[in-house]
Amino acid sequence: MENIINISIDLERDNVVRFTKPKSFDIPETHDEAKEMIIKDISHMCLALVDLISLADHNGYSDRVTLINTSVRFLIESLVVDNDHDHD
């Protein structure tokens, strides 16, 4: 099964990160279909991150432990710590 996720990152834009799908992909019509697509996309993006980290480690650009720790720390700081401050 092929899954295409286009990611555009522009630090000068209000909406820094944009996700799109090719026009050939069906737009989810129900909450359950959207939920399934998002969860699948997150899983596939994690798989892509594993490949990028492995590539960097294999080519000596950085070591996998440092990259994993940096990635996990960024996720925690962005999704857990920032959300904790939203409730203050």
N, C-alpha and C. Protein backbone atom coordinates (compact mmCIF):
# COMPACT_ATOMS: atom_id res chain seq x y z
N MET A 1 0.84 -1.17 0.00
CA MET A 1 0.00 0.00 0.00
C MET A 1 0.89 1.24 0.00
N GLU A 2 0.59 2.15 -0.90
CA GLU A 2 1.34 3.40 -0.97
C GLU A 2 0.61 4.49 -0.20
N ASN A 3 1.36 5.27 0.51
CA ASN A 3 0.81 6.42 1.24
C ASN A 3 1.72 7.60 0.94
N ILE A 4 1.16 8.66 0.40
CA ILE A 4 1.94 9.84 0.08
C ILE A 4 1.54 10.97 1.02
N ILE A 5 2.54 11.53 1.68
CA ILE A 5 2.33 12.68 2.58
C ILE A 5 3.30 13.76 2.12
N ASN A 6 2.78 14.85 1.62
CA ASN A 6 3.63 15.97 1.23
C ASN A 6 3.76 16.91 2.43
N ILE A 7 4.99 17.28 2.74
CA ILE A 7 5.25 18.17 3.87
C ILE A 7 5.98 19.40 3.35
N SER A 8 5.40 20.56 3.59
CA SER A 8 6.04 21.82 3.22
C SER A 8 6.33 22.60 4.50
N ILE A 9 7.59 22.98 4.69
CA ILE A 9 8.00 23.72 5.88
C ILE A 9 8.58 25.06 5.42
N ASP A 10 7.98 26.13 5.93
CA ASP A 10 8.44 27.48 5.60
C ASP A 10 8.40 28.30 6.88
N LEU A 11 9.56 28.58 7.43
CA LEU A 11 9.65 29.28 8.71
C LEU A 11 9.17 30.73 8.64
N GLU A 12 8.99 31.26 7.44
CA GLU A 12 8.54 32.63 7.29
C GLU A 12 7.02 32.73 7.11
N ARG A 13 6.34 31.63 7.15
CA ARG A 13 4.90 31.57 6.95
C ARG A 13 4.22 31.44 8.31
N ASP A 14 3.01 31.98 8.46
CA ASP A 14 2.26 31.83 9.71
C ASP A 14 2.03 30.36 10.03
N ASN A 15 1.55 29.64 9.06
CA ASN A 15 1.33 28.20 9.20
C ASN A 15 2.61 27.51 8.72
N VAL A 16 3.58 27.34 9.62
CA VAL A 16 4.93 26.90 9.27
C VAL A 16 4.93 25.56 8.55
N VAL A 17 4.18 24.60 9.06
CA VAL A 17 4.16 23.26 8.48
C VAL A 17 2.81 23.01 7.82
N ARG A 18 2.85 22.55 6.58
CA ARG A 18 1.63 22.19 5.86
C ARG A 18 1.74 20.77 5.35
N PHE A 19 0.68 20.02 5.56
CA PHE A 19 0.59 18.65 5.06
C PHE A 19 -0.46 18.63 3.95
N THR A 20 -0.13 17.97 2.87
CA THR A 20 -1.09 17.81 1.79
C THR A 20 -1.00 16.39 1.25
N LYS A 21 -2.02 16.03 0.53
CA LYS A 21 -2.07 14.74 -0.17
C LYS A 21 -2.26 15.04 -1.65
N PRO A 22 -1.78 14.17 -2.52
CA PRO A 22 -2.03 14.36 -3.94
C PRO A 22 -3.53 14.35 -4.24
N LYS A 23 -3.92 14.99 -5.31
CA LYS A 23 -5.33 15.05 -5.69
C LYS A 23 -5.91 13.66 -5.94
N SER A 24 -5.06 12.70 -6.25
CA SER A 24 -5.55 11.34 -6.53
C SER A 24 -6.01 10.61 -5.27
N PHE A 25 -5.66 11.12 -4.08
CA PHE A 25 -6.08 10.48 -2.84
C PHE A 25 -7.49 10.94 -2.47
N ASP A 26 -8.29 10.01 -2.01
CA ASP A 26 -9.65 10.33 -1.60
C ASP A 26 -9.63 11.10 -0.28
N ILE A 27 -10.43 12.15 -0.21
CA ILE A 27 -10.57 12.93 1.02
C ILE A 27 -11.49 12.16 1.96
N PRO A 28 -11.10 12.01 3.23
CA PRO A 28 -11.96 11.30 4.17
C PRO A 28 -13.31 12.02 4.29
N GLU A 29 -14.37 11.23 4.34
CA GLU A 29 -15.71 11.81 4.41
C GLU A 29 -16.31 11.73 5.80
N THR A 30 -15.77 10.86 6.64
CA THR A 30 -16.31 10.70 7.98
C THR A 30 -15.20 10.91 9.02
N HIS A 31 -15.63 11.10 10.25
CA HIS A 31 -14.69 11.23 11.36
C HIS A 31 -13.80 9.99 11.46
N ASP A 32 -14.40 8.82 11.34
CA ASP A 32 -13.63 7.58 11.46
C ASP A 32 -12.60 7.44 10.33
N GLU A 33 -12.98 7.83 9.11
CA GLU A 33 -12.03 7.77 7.99
C GLU A 33 -10.89 8.76 8.20
N ALA A 34 -11.18 9.96 8.69
CA ALA A 34 -10.15 10.96 8.95
C ALA A 34 -9.22 10.47 10.06
N LYS A 35 -9.80 9.89 11.10
CA LYS A 35 -9.02 9.35 12.21
C LYS A 35 -8.06 8.27 11.72
N GLU A 36 -8.57 7.36 10.91
CA GLU A 36 -7.74 6.27 10.38
C GLU A 36 -6.60 6.83 9.52
N MET A 37 -6.89 7.84 8.69
CA MET A 37 -5.87 8.43 7.83
C MET A 37 -4.79 9.11 8.66
N ILE A 38 -5.19 9.91 9.65
CA ILE A 38 -4.23 10.65 10.48
C ILE A 38 -3.33 9.69 11.25
N ILE A 39 -3.92 8.67 11.85
CA ILE A 39 -3.13 7.71 12.63
C ILE A 39 -2.16 6.96 11.71
N LYS A 40 -2.62 6.59 10.53
CA LYS A 40 -1.76 5.92 9.56
C LYS A 40 -0.63 6.86 9.12
N ASP A 41 -0.95 8.12 8.87
CA ASP A 41 0.07 9.10 8.46
C ASP A 41 1.12 9.29 9.55
N ILE A 42 0.69 9.37 10.80
CA ILE A 42 1.65 9.51 11.91
C ILE A 42 2.57 8.30 11.97
N SER A 43 1.99 7.12 11.83
CA SER A 43 2.79 5.89 11.84
C SER A 43 3.80 5.89 10.70
N HIS A 44 3.36 6.29 9.52
CA HIS A 44 4.26 6.29 8.36
C HIS A 44 5.33 7.38 8.47
N MET A 45 4.99 8.52 9.09
CA MET A 45 6.00 9.55 9.30
C MET A 45 7.05 9.07 10.32
N CYS A 46 6.63 8.30 11.30
CA CYS A 46 7.59 7.72 12.25
C CYS A 46 8.52 6.74 11.52
N LEU A 47 7.96 5.96 10.63
CA LEU A 47 8.77 5.03 9.82
C LEU A 47 9.79 5.81 8.99
N ALA A 48 9.36 6.93 8.40
CA ALA A 48 10.27 7.77 7.62
C ALA A 48 11.37 8.36 8.51
N LEU A 49 11.02 8.75 9.74
CA LEU A 49 12.01 9.29 10.68
C LEU A 49 13.04 8.22 11.03
N VAL A 50 12.59 6.99 11.23
CA VAL A 50 13.50 5.89 11.50
C VAL A 50 14.50 5.74 10.34
N ASP A 51 13.99 5.81 9.11
CA ASP A 51 14.87 5.70 7.95
C ASP A 51 15.88 6.86 7.89
N LEU A 52 15.42 8.09 8.16
CA LEU A 52 16.32 9.24 8.15
C LEU A 52 17.40 9.13 9.22
N ILE A 53 17.00 8.72 10.41
CA ILE A 53 17.97 8.55 11.50
C ILE A 53 18.97 7.46 11.16
N SER A 54 18.49 6.35 10.61
CA SER A 54 19.38 5.26 10.22
C SER A 54 20.35 5.70 9.13
N LEU A 55 19.86 6.48 8.17
CA LEU A 55 20.70 6.99 7.09
C LEU A 55 21.80 7.90 7.65
N ALA A 56 21.42 8.81 8.54
CA ALA A 56 22.40 9.72 9.14
C ALA A 56 23.44 8.94 9.95
N ASP A 57 22.98 7.95 10.70
CA ASP A 57 23.89 7.14 11.51
C ASP A 57 24.82 6.33 10.61
N HIS A 58 24.27 5.69 9.61
CA HIS A 58 25.05 4.85 8.69
C HIS A 58 26.14 5.65 7.97
N ASN A 59 25.82 6.90 7.61
CA ASN A 59 26.77 7.74 6.87
C ASN A 59 27.67 8.57 7.76
N GLY A 60 27.53 8.42 9.08
CA GLY A 60 28.40 9.11 10.02
C GLY A 60 28.09 10.59 10.20
N TYR A 61 26.88 11.02 9.81
CA TYR A 61 26.50 12.43 9.99
C TYR A 61 26.19 12.74 11.45
N SER A 62 25.69 11.75 12.15
CA SER A 62 25.39 11.84 13.57
C SER A 62 25.15 10.42 14.06
N ASP A 63 25.11 10.24 15.36
CA ASP A 63 24.83 8.89 15.83
C ASP A 63 23.35 8.76 16.18
N ARG A 64 22.86 7.55 16.02
CA ARG A 64 21.42 7.31 16.18
C ARG A 64 20.91 7.64 17.57
N VAL A 65 21.70 7.40 18.62
CA VAL A 65 21.24 7.68 19.98
C VAL A 65 21.02 9.19 20.16
N THR A 66 21.95 10.00 19.68
CA THR A 66 21.79 11.45 19.77
C THR A 66 20.55 11.91 19.00
N LEU A 67 20.37 11.40 17.80
CA LEU A 67 19.22 11.79 16.98
C LEU A 67 17.90 11.34 17.59
N ILE A 68 17.88 10.15 18.14
CA ILE A 68 16.66 9.65 18.80
C ILE A 68 16.34 10.52 20.02
N ASN A 69 17.35 10.78 20.85
CA ASN A 69 17.13 11.61 22.04
C ASN A 69 16.67 13.01 21.67
N THR A 70 17.27 13.59 20.64
CA THR A 70 16.87 14.92 20.19
C THR A 70 15.43 14.91 19.69
N SER A 71 15.06 13.89 18.92
CA SER A 71 13.70 13.80 18.38
C SER A 71 12.67 13.62 19.49
N VAL A 72 12.95 12.73 20.42
CA VAL A 72 12.01 12.48 21.52
C VAL A 72 11.89 13.72 22.41
N ARG A 73 13.01 14.36 22.71
CA ARG A 73 12.98 15.58 23.53
C ARG A 73 12.15 16.66 22.84
N PHE A 74 12.32 16.83 21.52
CA PHE A 74 11.56 17.83 20.77
C PHE A 74 10.06 17.52 20.84
N LEU A 75 9.69 16.26 20.66
CA LEU A 75 8.27 15.88 20.74
C LEU A 75 7.70 16.17 22.12
N ILE A 76 8.43 15.80 23.14
CA ILE A 76 7.95 16.03 24.51
C ILE A 76 7.83 17.52 24.80
N GLU A 77 8.85 18.28 24.42
CA GLU A 77 8.81 19.73 24.68
C GLU A 77 7.71 20.41 23.88
N SER A 78 7.46 19.95 22.68
CA SER A 78 6.45 20.57 21.81
C SER A 78 5.03 20.16 22.16
N LEU A 79 4.85 18.90 22.53
CA LEU A 79 3.49 18.38 22.71
C LEU A 79 3.07 18.23 24.16
N VAL A 80 4.02 17.99 25.04
CA VAL A 80 3.67 17.78 26.45
C VAL A 80 3.92 19.04 27.26
N VAL A 81 5.13 19.55 27.21
CA VAL A 81 5.50 20.71 28.02
C VAL A 81 4.71 21.94 27.57
N ASP A 82 4.65 22.22 26.26
CA ASP A 82 3.89 23.37 25.77
C ASP A 82 2.42 23.27 26.12
N ASN A 83 1.86 22.06 26.05
CA ASN A 83 0.45 21.88 26.40
C ASN A 83 0.21 22.10 27.88
N ASP A 84 1.19 21.74 28.71
CA ASP A 84 1.06 21.99 30.15
C ASP A 84 0.96 23.48 30.44
N HIS A 85 1.70 24.29 29.69
CA HIS A 85 1.67 25.73 29.88
C HIS A 85 0.39 26.37 29.36
N ASP A 86 -0.28 25.71 28.43
CA ASP A 86 -1.54 26.23 27.90
C ASP A 86 -2.62 26.29 28.98
N HIS A 87 -2.47 25.46 30.01
CA HIS A 87 -3.49 25.39 31.05
C HIS A 87 -3.21 26.33 32.22
N ASP A 88 -2.07 27.00 32.20
CA ASP A 88 -1.73 27.93 33.31
C ASP A 88 -2.57 29.19 33.26
